[in-house]
Amino acid sequence: MARAALAWSMSTAPPKYGGKGESSRVVILGGTGRVGGSTAVALSKLCPSLQLIIAGRNRFGRNLLYFVELLSNVILINAAVKSSDAQMYVLGFMPRVFMFSREKGAAVVSKLGKNARFVEIDIENTSMLETTLEEAELVVHAAGPFQQAEKCTVLEVAISTKTAYLDVCDDTDYAQRTKSFHSKALAAGIPAVTTGGIYPGVSNVMAAELVRSVKSEDAGEPERLREVSWATDLAQIESAQLIYAFRFFYYTAGSGGAGPTILATSFLLLGENVIAYNKGEMIKMKPYSGALNIDFGKGIGKRDVYLLNLPEVRSAYDILGVPTVSARFGTSPFFWNWGMQAIVNFVPVETLRDRSKVQQLVQIFDPMVRAIDGIAGERVSMRVDLELPDGRSRIALFSHKKLSVSVGYSIAAFALAILEGSTQNGVWFPEEPEGIAIDARKLLLERASQGTLNFVMNKAPWMIETDPKEIGLGIYV
């Protein structure tokens, strides 16, 4: 049986955007952050003619808290200081603090050239969003964290202004909430993709391609992915000869250089029960439990990974028809993993589900994380394992030396796919054929995998592992 292995050379130059509307206007919300800024840089390289609108958050509320904190510190440090004098001291800093957002935006724009400009925006302010999105063909929502967010304001405004939409959501509840707007997006005639980042995002597409490749091998011809209704019993699942299991494994050194938003996301995820699936049954588990030691191949090696509640588990179960699905994540140095477990065990879950309290934790830990990041680096790796009922396994692997660069190319790959017409109207997950057309996946993965240390698709595990086991006669498992 011919093997339909997929592997693309990384020696070629990044494919350039060549679709319709090369001068399209793209709004990047959170564009002054690490993820949004990286996306802007990648888009400017893949398609220099794009008009980029870098939208940074309105930091008034946060700045006000800084002023109050500074005022308190002054009074505490020197009780002899009059309150009025302390206030004048604080007011002296106000112009500089309020200029911070604009200065950061200007710094990002300066790297992008004449086709980029900065706008200050509050993503919770509907009128500000409408004004900004009305002039754009696509909005990229990279202003996380998405955990514990109660509304999909950006998507709602995108629908009302008929603007194509992409988010980098990594929260299961938020992703499912965006899907509830499917009929409205369909009626408005706009394409929308949720969870379109690196993981989830590129990992979803890798999983979908593994499914398609294996089914093509077995059937001898390409097979369109089908949606599966799980109103069936286990006997029906087994008799259908579906793929048995998907296991998503992720590793990032330190914070991956992705900034405090990623740190906040991690803390918020530690407050969520892990949802996984076993033989068609949903199970709940403790976050950051179930440790496994996984081999991520050359450049990364073996790493410990732990259960987290990630949206690709639910979408792979629902869309790809896989009855057993889970996702695990790990970091380094090793004591960060211990720290994550300690947070789960000793920090009240109510605190981990409160965005304001989590932001306070971030302010405490962020300086330490940044210091360690300088030593740990920011390598990232994604391994997707597909297990078949007959015992065969196939994997996809994606490793890069810099998450801060790789995440930008990953999001940019989704953005260009949408602009090129590869997404149908409605709200979709990346692995849905309507989200990213099957014939567009190869180009998306080529764009996303620029500069990778290792990128392979549909291989046996022993072919990528650093220490494969030989059972004899040159046969490895």
Protein backbone atom coordinates (compact mmCIF):
# COMPACT_ATOMS: atom_id res chain seq x y z
CA MET A 1 0.00 0.00 0.00
CA ALA A 2 1.48 3.32 -1.04
CA ARG A 3 2.27 5.56 1.88
CA ALA A 4 0.72 9.01 1.67
CA ALA A 5 3.32 10.63 3.87
CA LEU A 6 3.38 14.41 3.91
CA ALA A 7 6.64 16.24 4.44
CA TRP A 8 7.61 19.62 3.06
CA SER A 9 11.09 20.99 2.71
CA MET A 10 12.03 23.86 4.97
CA SER A 11 14.80 25.03 2.65
CA THR A 12 12.44 26.99 0.42
CA ALA A 13 11.68 30.68 0.94
CA PRO A 14 8.40 31.64 2.65
CA PRO A 15 5.52 31.50 0.13
CA LYS A 16 4.29 35.00 -0.62
CA TYR A 17 0.64 35.99 -0.47
CA GLY A 18 -0.71 35.93 -3.98
CA GLY A 19 -4.45 35.90 -3.52
CA LYS A 20 -7.10 38.50 -4.12
CA GLY A 21 -6.88 41.82 -2.34
CA GLU A 22 -3.15 41.97 -1.75
CA SER A 23 -3.64 45.48 -0.36
CA SER A 24 -6.39 44.37 2.04
CA ARG A 25 -6.59 46.15 5.36
CA VAL A 26 -6.04 43.93 8.39
CA VAL A 27 -6.72 45.04 11.95
CA ILE A 28 -4.61 43.27 14.59
CA LEU A 29 -6.16 43.64 18.04
CA GLY A 30 -3.49 43.25 20.68
CA GLY A 31 -1.02 44.33 18.04
CA THR A 32 1.37 45.88 20.57
CA GLY A 33 1.63 42.62 22.53
CA ARG A 34 4.10 39.81 21.89
CA VAL A 35 1.67 37.63 19.93
CA GLY A 36 -0.03 40.41 17.98
CA GLY A 37 3.27 42.13 17.22
CA SER A 38 4.81 38.89 15.97
CA THR A 39 1.75 38.37 13.75
CA ALA A 40 2.16 41.84 12.25
CA VAL A 41 5.83 41.21 11.46
CA ALA A 42 5.05 37.86 9.82
CA LEU A 43 2.23 39.34 7.73
CA SER A 44 4.45 42.21 6.59
CA LYS A 45 7.04 39.68 5.39
CA LEU A 46 4.62 37.25 3.73
CA CYS A 47 2.60 40.02 2.06
CA PRO A 48 4.32 43.44 2.17
CA SER A 49 1.42 45.15 0.38
CA LEU A 50 -1.10 44.44 3.15
CA GLN A 51 -2.33 47.51 5.02
CA LEU A 52 -1.82 46.72 8.71
CA ILE A 53 -3.72 48.53 11.46
CA ILE A 54 -2.00 47.85 14.78
CA ALA A 55 -4.60 48.23 17.52
CA GLY A 56 -3.38 48.49 21.11
CA ARG A 57 -5.51 48.38 24.20
CA ASN A 58 -6.71 51.53 25.92
CA ARG A 59 -4.75 51.32 29.14
CA PHE A 60 -6.59 54.04 31.08
CA GLY A 61 -8.01 51.71 33.72
CA ARG A 62 -4.71 49.91 34.21
CA ASN A 63 -2.77 53.17 34.32
CA LEU A 64 -5.13 54.54 36.97
CA LEU A 65 -4.36 51.52 39.15
CA TYR A 66 -0.66 52.16 38.66
CA PHE A 67 -1.12 55.77 39.86
CA VAL A 68 -2.95 54.65 42.98
CA GLU A 69 -0.28 52.04 43.71
CA LEU A 70 2.49 54.56 43.21
CA LEU A 71 0.75 57.06 45.47
CA SER A 72 0.41 54.44 48.20
CA ASN A 73 4.07 53.52 47.92
CA VAL A 74 5.17 57.12 48.28
CA ILE A 75 3.09 57.58 51.43
CA LEU A 76 4.30 54.30 52.90
CA ILE A 77 7.96 54.99 52.18
CA ASN A 78 7.89 58.43 53.72
CA ALA A 79 5.04 59.09 56.09
CA ALA A 80 6.13 62.71 56.35
CA VAL A 81 5.13 63.40 52.77
CA LYS A 82 1.91 65.34 52.55
CA SER A 83 -0.88 63.74 50.60
CA SER A 84 -1.06 66.76 48.27
CA ASP A 85 2.67 66.56 47.59
CA ALA A 86 2.38 62.84 46.88
CA GLN A 87 -0.43 63.50 44.44
CA MET A 88 1.67 66.08 42.61
CA TYR A 89 4.51 63.58 42.47
CA VAL A 90 2.21 61.02 40.87
CA LEU A 91 0.68 63.54 38.48
CA GLY A 92 4.16 64.30 37.19
CA PHE A 93 4.32 60.78 35.80
CA MET A 94 0.88 60.85 34.15
CA PRO A 95 1.90 62.19 30.71
CA ARG A 96 4.63 59.56 30.41
CA VAL A 97 2.40 56.70 31.52
CA PHE A 98 -0.45 57.68 29.20
CA MET A 99 2.00 57.93 26.32
CA PHE A 100 3.23 54.37 26.95
CA SER A 101 0.60 52.69 24.78
CA ARG A 102 1.21 55.04 21.85
CA GLU A 103 4.97 54.75 22.15
CA LYS A 104 4.72 50.97 22.14
CA GLY A 105 2.45 51.12 19.11
CA ALA A 106 4.86 53.45 17.34
CA ALA A 107 7.72 51.05 18.06
CA VAL A 108 5.80 48.17 16.46
CA VAL A 109 4.78 50.26 13.44
CA SER A 110 8.37 51.44 12.90
CA LYS A 111 9.37 47.83 12.17
CA LEU A 112 6.60 47.34 9.61
CA GLY A 113 7.09 50.17 7.14
CA LYS A 114 4.78 52.63 5.47
CA ASN A 115 1.82 50.27 5.19
CA ALA A 116 1.24 50.10 8.95
CA ARG A 117 -0.30 52.51 11.43
CA PHE A 118 -1.31 52.43 15.08
CA VAL A 119 -4.71 53.06 16.66
CA GLU A 120 -5.50 53.00 20.37
CA ILE A 121 -8.57 50.93 21.13
CA ASP A 122 -10.55 49.34 23.95
CA ILE A 123 -11.85 45.97 22.75
CA GLU A 124 -14.81 46.23 25.12
CA ASN A 125 -15.86 49.54 23.55
CA THR A 126 -18.27 48.61 20.75
CA SER A 127 -18.28 52.01 19.06
CA MET A 128 -14.46 52.14 18.94
CA LEU A 129 -14.38 48.65 17.47
CA GLU A 130 -17.01 49.48 14.87
CA THR A 131 -15.12 52.56 13.74
CA THR A 132 -11.88 50.60 13.36
CA LEU A 133 -13.36 47.47 11.74
CA GLU A 134 -15.51 49.31 9.22
CA GLU A 135 -12.41 50.11 7.17
CA ALA A 136 -10.93 46.60 7.30
CA GLU A 137 -11.36 43.35 5.40
CA LEU A 138 -10.11 41.17 8.29
CA VAL A 139 -9.72 41.50 12.05
CA VAL A 140 -7.23 39.33 13.93
CA HIS A 141 -8.19 39.09 17.59
CA ALA A 142 -4.96 38.51 19.54
CA ALA A 143 -5.94 40.49 22.64
CA GLY A 144 -6.09 37.67 25.18
CA PRO A 145 -6.42 36.13 27.61
CA PHE A 146 -9.68 34.51 26.49
CA GLN A 147 -10.27 32.48 29.64
CA GLN A 148 -13.24 33.64 31.75
CA ALA A 149 -14.28 36.16 29.07
CA GLU A 150 -18.07 36.47 29.17
CA LYS A 151 -18.74 37.95 25.73
CA CYS A 152 -17.52 37.62 22.15
CA THR A 153 -17.63 41.37 21.56
CA VAL A 154 -15.07 41.44 18.76
CA LEU A 155 -16.82 38.68 16.80
CA GLU A 156 -20.19 40.40 17.25
CA VAL A 157 -18.80 43.67 15.90
CA ALA A 158 -17.07 41.83 13.05
CA ILE A 159 -20.43 40.37 12.07
CA SER A 160 -22.19 43.73 12.28
CA THR A 161 -19.51 45.43 10.16
CA LYS A 162 -19.20 42.43 7.79
CA THR A 163 -15.51 42.00 8.57
CA ALA A 164 -13.81 38.60 8.27
CA TYR A 165 -12.67 37.33 11.66
CA LEU A 166 -9.80 35.31 13.12
CA ASP A 167 -9.01 34.75 16.79
CA VAL A 168 -6.17 33.01 18.61
CA CYS A 169 -8.42 31.74 21.39
CA ASP A 170 -7.05 28.91 23.51
CA ASP A 171 -10.07 28.50 25.80
CA THR A 172 -12.67 25.77 25.32
CA ASP A 173 -15.67 27.75 26.58
CA TYR A 174 -14.84 30.84 24.53
CA ALA A 175 -14.28 28.78 21.39
CA GLN A 176 -17.62 27.02 21.79
CA ARG A 177 -19.30 30.38 22.41
CA THR A 178 -17.95 31.74 19.12
CA LYS A 179 -19.51 28.76 17.34
CA SER A 180 -22.92 29.88 18.60
CA PHE A 181 -22.57 32.87 16.24
CA HIS A 182 -22.29 30.61 13.20
CA SER A 183 -25.75 31.36 11.79
CA LYS A 184 -25.27 35.12 12.26
CA ALA A 185 -21.90 35.05 10.49
CA LEU A 186 -23.46 32.98 7.72
CA ALA A 187 -26.28 35.48 7.32
CA ALA A 188 -23.81 38.40 7.29
CA GLY A 189 -21.71 36.65 4.65
CA ILE A 190 -18.43 36.67 6.58
CA PRO A 191 -15.86 33.90 7.16
CA ALA A 192 -14.64 33.42 10.73
CA VAL A 193 -12.07 31.05 12.25
CA THR A 194 -11.67 30.50 15.98
CA THR A 195 -8.60 28.97 17.72
CA GLY A 196 -6.42 29.97 14.76
CA GLY A 197 -3.05 30.26 16.48
CA ILE A 198 -0.15 27.82 16.85
CA TYR A 199 -1.67 25.51 19.47
CA PRO A 200 -4.52 25.33 19.10
CA GLY A 201 -4.54 26.23 15.43
CA VAL A 202 -1.72 24.75 13.41
CA SER A 203 -1.91 21.67 15.63
CA ASN A 204 -5.58 21.23 14.62
CA VAL A 205 -4.67 21.33 10.93
CA MET A 206 -1.85 18.85 11.51
CA ALA A 207 -4.35 16.53 13.20
CA ALA A 208 -6.85 16.88 10.35
CA GLU A 209 -4.17 16.11 7.79
CA LEU A 210 -3.12 13.01 9.73
CA VAL A 211 -6.71 11.78 9.62
CA ARG A 212 -7.01 12.48 5.91
CA SER A 213 -3.69 10.82 5.11
CA VAL A 214 -4.48 7.66 7.06
CA LYS A 215 -7.95 7.39 5.56
CA SER A 216 -6.46 7.92 2.10
CA GLU A 217 -3.99 5.10 2.72
CA ASP A 218 -6.74 2.74 3.79
CA ALA A 219 -9.22 3.75 1.10
CA GLY A 220 -6.73 4.27 -1.70
CA GLU A 221 -8.17 7.67 -2.50
CA PRO A 222 -8.72 11.00 -0.74
CA GLU A 223 -11.67 11.06 1.62
CA ARG A 224 -13.48 14.18 2.75
CA LEU A 225 -13.58 14.56 6.50
CA ARG A 226 -17.04 14.05 7.84
CA GLU A 227 -18.74 15.36 10.93
CA VAL A 228 -19.65 12.64 13.39
CA SER A 229 -22.74 12.54 15.53
CA TRP A 230 -21.85 11.03 18.86
CA ALA A 231 -25.41 9.97 19.58
CA THR A 232 -24.10 6.45 19.09
CA ASP A 233 -22.87 3.73 21.39
CA LEU A 234 -19.34 2.39 21.66
CA ALA A 235 -20.17 -0.68 19.55
CA GLN A 236 -21.16 1.56 16.65
CA ILE A 237 -17.96 3.58 17.05
CA GLU A 238 -15.81 0.45 17.01
CA SER A 239 -17.68 -1.09 14.10
CA ALA A 240 -17.14 2.07 12.07
CA GLN A 241 -13.36 1.45 12.23
CA LEU A 242 -12.68 5.07 13.15
CA ILE A 243 -9.32 6.30 14.34
CA TYR A 244 -8.98 5.25 17.94
CA ALA A 245 -7.15 8.10 19.63
CA PHE A 246 -5.59 11.55 19.29
CA ARG A 247 -3.09 12.78 21.83
CA PHE A 248 -1.83 16.37 21.62
CA PHE A 249 1.52 17.01 23.32
CA TYR A 250 2.98 20.51 23.66
CA TYR A 251 6.22 21.85 25.06
CA THR A 252 7.41 25.44 25.51
CA ALA A 253 10.64 26.54 27.20
CA GLY A 254 9.87 29.09 29.89
CA SER A 255 7.04 31.37 28.77
CA GLY A 256 8.20 31.05 25.16
CA GLY A 257 9.04 34.75 25.19
CA ALA A 258 5.35 35.40 24.58
CA GLY A 259 4.84 37.79 27.47
CA PRO A 260 2.54 38.21 30.49
CA THR A 261 -0.62 37.32 28.54
CA ILE A 262 0.62 33.75 28.13
CA LEU A 263 1.42 33.64 31.83
CA ALA A 264 -2.12 34.81 32.65
CA THR A 265 -3.54 32.20 30.27
CA SER A 266 -1.56 29.46 32.01
CA PHE A 267 -2.81 30.47 35.46
CA LEU A 268 -6.41 30.68 34.26
CA LEU A 269 -6.18 27.23 32.67
CA LEU A 270 -5.02 25.84 36.01
CA GLY A 271 -8.42 26.84 37.37
CA GLU A 272 -10.30 24.69 34.85
CA ASN A 273 -11.10 21.01 35.12
CA VAL A 274 -9.51 19.08 32.27
CA ILE A 275 -12.03 17.71 29.79
CA ALA A 276 -10.86 14.68 27.82
CA TYR A 277 -12.53 11.78 26.04
CA ASN A 278 -12.02 8.06 26.48
CA LYS A 279 -13.76 5.66 24.08
CA GLY A 280 -16.50 8.18 23.40
CA GLU A 281 -17.06 9.11 27.05
CA MET A 282 -16.28 12.56 28.40
CA ILE A 283 -14.12 12.49 31.52
CA LYS A 284 -13.01 15.25 33.90
CA MET A 285 -9.55 15.30 35.46
CA LYS A 286 -7.42 17.52 37.65
CA PRO A 287 -5.40 20.17 35.78
CA TYR A 288 -1.66 19.61 35.46
CA SER A 289 -1.94 15.96 36.44
CA GLY A 290 -1.30 12.73 34.49
CA ALA A 291 2.36 13.40 33.74
CA LEU A 292 3.93 11.64 30.73
CA ASN A 293 7.49 11.79 29.42
CA ILE A 294 7.27 12.49 25.68
CA ASP A 295 10.02 12.48 23.06
CA PHE A 296 9.78 15.60 20.88
CA GLY A 297 12.69 14.58 18.67
CA LYS A 298 15.80 16.46 17.67
CA GLY A 299 16.34 19.90 19.11
CA ILE A 300 13.91 19.32 21.98
CA GLY A 301 14.33 15.79 23.33
CA LYS A 302 12.23 14.14 26.03
CA ARG A 303 10.03 16.37 28.16
CA ASP A 304 7.43 15.89 30.89
CA VAL A 305 3.94 17.04 29.92
CA TYR A 306 0.74 17.40 31.95
CA LEU A 307 -3.00 17.48 31.28
CA LEU A 308 -4.58 20.85 30.44
CA ASN A 309 -8.07 21.82 29.31
CA LEU A 310 -7.56 22.91 25.68
CA PRO A 311 -10.20 23.49 22.97
CA GLU A 312 -8.67 21.20 20.34
CA VAL A 313 -9.68 18.21 22.47
CA ARG A 314 -13.37 19.02 22.08
CA SER A 315 -13.12 20.03 18.43
CA ALA A 316 -11.12 16.92 17.45
CA TYR A 317 -13.71 14.78 19.21
CA ASP A 318 -16.66 16.50 17.57
CA ILE A 319 -15.27 17.14 14.09
CA LEU A 320 -12.66 14.50 13.33
CA GLY A 321 -14.64 11.65 14.82
CA VAL A 322 -12.03 10.46 17.30
CA PRO A 323 -13.41 8.77 20.45
CA THR A 324 -10.29 9.15 22.63
CA VAL A 325 -8.66 12.59 22.83
CA SER A 326 -6.48 14.43 25.33
CA ALA A 327 -3.99 17.31 25.45
CA ARG A 328 -0.88 17.77 27.58
CA PHE A 329 1.58 20.61 28.03
CA GLY A 330 4.93 20.99 29.73
CA THR A 331 7.58 23.65 30.22
CA SER A 332 11.12 24.05 31.47
CA PRO A 333 13.10 24.43 33.63
CA PHE A 334 11.59 21.51 35.50
CA PHE A 335 10.79 23.58 38.58
CA TRP A 336 8.24 25.62 36.61
CA ASN A 337 6.25 22.39 36.23
CA TRP A 338 6.50 21.89 39.98
CA GLY A 339 5.34 25.45 40.45
CA MET A 340 2.31 24.88 38.23
CA GLN A 341 1.38 21.82 40.26
CA ALA A 342 1.82 23.78 43.48
CA ILE A 343 -0.52 26.50 42.20
CA VAL A 344 -3.17 23.87 41.41
CA ASN A 345 -2.81 22.33 44.85
CA PHE A 346 -2.54 25.41 47.05
CA VAL A 347 -4.12 28.41 45.29
CA PRO A 348 -7.93 28.51 45.69
CA VAL A 349 -9.71 27.67 42.46
CA GLU A 350 -11.83 30.81 42.90
CA THR A 351 -8.65 32.88 42.61
CA LEU A 352 -7.56 31.05 39.45
CA ARG A 353 -10.94 31.76 37.87
CA ASP A 354 -10.84 35.48 38.68
CA ARG A 355 -9.13 37.46 35.91
CA SER A 356 -8.28 40.42 38.15
CA LYS A 357 -6.69 38.22 40.80
CA VAL A 358 -4.79 36.28 38.15
CA GLN A 359 -3.40 39.56 36.82
CA GLN A 360 -2.07 40.24 40.32
CA LEU A 361 -0.35 36.85 40.29
CA VAL A 362 1.13 37.68 36.89
CA GLN A 363 2.62 40.91 38.25
CA ILE A 364 4.28 38.89 41.02
CA PHE A 365 5.67 36.11 38.82
CA ASP A 366 6.38 37.94 35.55
CA PRO A 367 9.79 39.39 36.59
CA MET A 368 10.99 35.94 37.66
CA VAL A 369 9.68 34.33 34.48
CA ARG A 370 11.40 36.93 32.30
CA ALA A 371 14.68 36.39 34.13
CA ILE A 372 14.52 32.62 33.66
CA ASP A 373 13.41 33.02 30.03
CA GLY A 374 16.80 34.52 29.30
CA ILE A 375 18.36 31.23 30.33
CA ALA A 376 15.69 28.73 29.25
CA GLY A 377 15.17 30.16 25.77
CA GLU A 378 11.82 29.92 24.01
CA ARG A 379 11.81 26.68 22.04
CA VAL A 380 8.41 25.24 21.22
CA SER A 381 7.29 21.84 20.01
CA MET A 382 3.97 20.23 19.10
CA ARG A 383 3.54 16.50 18.71
CA VAL A 384 0.23 15.03 17.56
CA ASP A 385 -0.11 11.27 17.97
CA LEU A 386 -2.75 9.34 16.07
CA GLU A 387 -3.45 5.79 17.21
CA LEU A 388 -5.33 3.25 15.09
CA PRO A 389 -7.42 0.31 16.36
CA ASP A 390 -4.94 -2.16 14.80
CA GLY A 391 -2.10 -0.78 16.95
CA ARG A 392 -0.44 1.37 14.29
CA SER A 393 0.58 4.90 15.20
CA ARG A 394 1.32 7.97 13.13
CA ILE A 395 2.58 11.31 14.34
CA ALA A 396 3.00 14.89 13.22
CA LEU A 397 5.77 17.01 14.73
CA PHE A 398 6.51 20.74 14.66
CA SER A 399 9.48 22.22 16.55
CA HIS A 400 10.85 25.77 16.41
CA LYS A 401 13.60 27.53 18.34
CA LYS A 402 11.50 30.65 18.99
CA LEU A 403 7.83 30.58 19.95
CA SER A 404 7.63 34.37 19.63
CA VAL A 405 8.49 34.06 15.93
CA SER A 406 6.65 30.84 15.18
CA VAL A 407 3.35 31.99 16.66
CA GLY A 408 3.39 35.02 14.35
CA TYR A 409 3.85 32.94 11.21
CA SER A 410 1.18 30.51 12.38
CA ILE A 411 -1.44 33.23 12.85
CA ALA A 412 -0.36 34.98 9.65
CA ALA A 413 -0.85 31.71 7.75
CA PHE A 414 -4.48 31.58 8.90
CA ALA A 415 -5.03 35.26 8.13
CA LEU A 416 -3.78 34.87 4.56
CA ALA A 417 -5.82 31.71 4.03
CA ILE A 418 -8.97 33.64 4.97
CA LEU A 419 -8.06 36.58 2.71
CA GLU A 420 -7.38 34.17 -0.14
CA GLY A 421 -10.89 32.74 0.11
CA SER A 422 -10.05 29.39 1.72
CA THR A 423 -12.67 29.84 4.44
CA GLN A 424 -16.41 29.60 3.88
CA ASN A 425 -18.89 31.97 5.50
CA GLY A 426 -19.77 31.04 9.07
CA VAL A 427 -17.71 30.31 12.20
CA TRP A 428 -15.32 27.36 11.95
CA PHE A 429 -12.56 25.50 13.73
CA PRO A 430 -9.27 25.11 11.81
CA GLU A 431 -9.74 21.36 11.24
CA GLU A 432 -13.11 21.81 9.56
CA PRO A 433 -12.87 21.72 5.75
CA GLU A 434 -15.07 24.81 5.67
CA GLY A 435 -12.64 26.58 8.01
CA ILE A 436 -9.51 25.88 6.01
CA ALA A 437 -10.17 24.15 2.70
CA ILE A 438 -8.43 20.79 2.38
CA ASP A 439 -6.48 21.90 -0.68
CA ALA A 440 -5.30 25.02 1.21
CA ARG A 441 -3.81 23.15 4.18
CA LYS A 442 -0.46 22.41 2.59
CA LEU A 443 0.23 26.10 1.91
CA LEU A 444 -0.93 27.04 5.39
CA LEU A 445 1.46 24.54 6.96
CA GLU A 446 4.31 25.67 4.70
CA ARG A 447 3.81 29.27 5.81
CA ALA A 448 3.43 28.38 9.48
CA SER A 449 6.48 26.11 9.59
CA GLN A 450 9.04 28.60 8.30
CA GLY A 451 12.29 28.29 10.25
CA THR A 452 11.31 25.12 12.10
CA LEU A 453 13.94 22.84 13.61
CA ASN A 454 11.85 19.83 12.70
CA PHE A 455 8.59 19.51 10.80
CA VAL A 456 7.25 16.14 9.71
CA MET A 457 3.83 14.70 8.94
CA ASN A 458 2.47 11.16 9.00
CA LYS A 459 5.55 9.33 10.27
CA ALA A 460 5.97 6.33 12.55
CA PRO A 461 7.06 7.47 16.05
CA TRP A 462 10.45 5.73 15.88
CA MET A 463 11.39 7.80 12.84
CA ILE A 464 11.55 11.02 14.86
CA GLU A 465 12.32 9.93 18.41
CA THR A 466 15.79 10.44 19.82
CA ASP A 467 15.95 6.93 21.25
CA PRO A 468 13.88 4.52 19.10
CA LYS A 469 13.51 0.95 20.35
CA GLU A 470 14.57 -1.92 18.05
CA ILE A 471 12.68 -5.19 18.52
CA GLY A 472 14.95 -7.05 16.10
CA LEU A 473 15.75 -7.46 12.39
CA GLY A 474 15.94 -3.67 11.98
CA ILE A 475 12.33 -3.23 13.10
CA TYR A 476 11.71 -0.26 15.38
CA VAL A 477 8.72 0.68 17.51
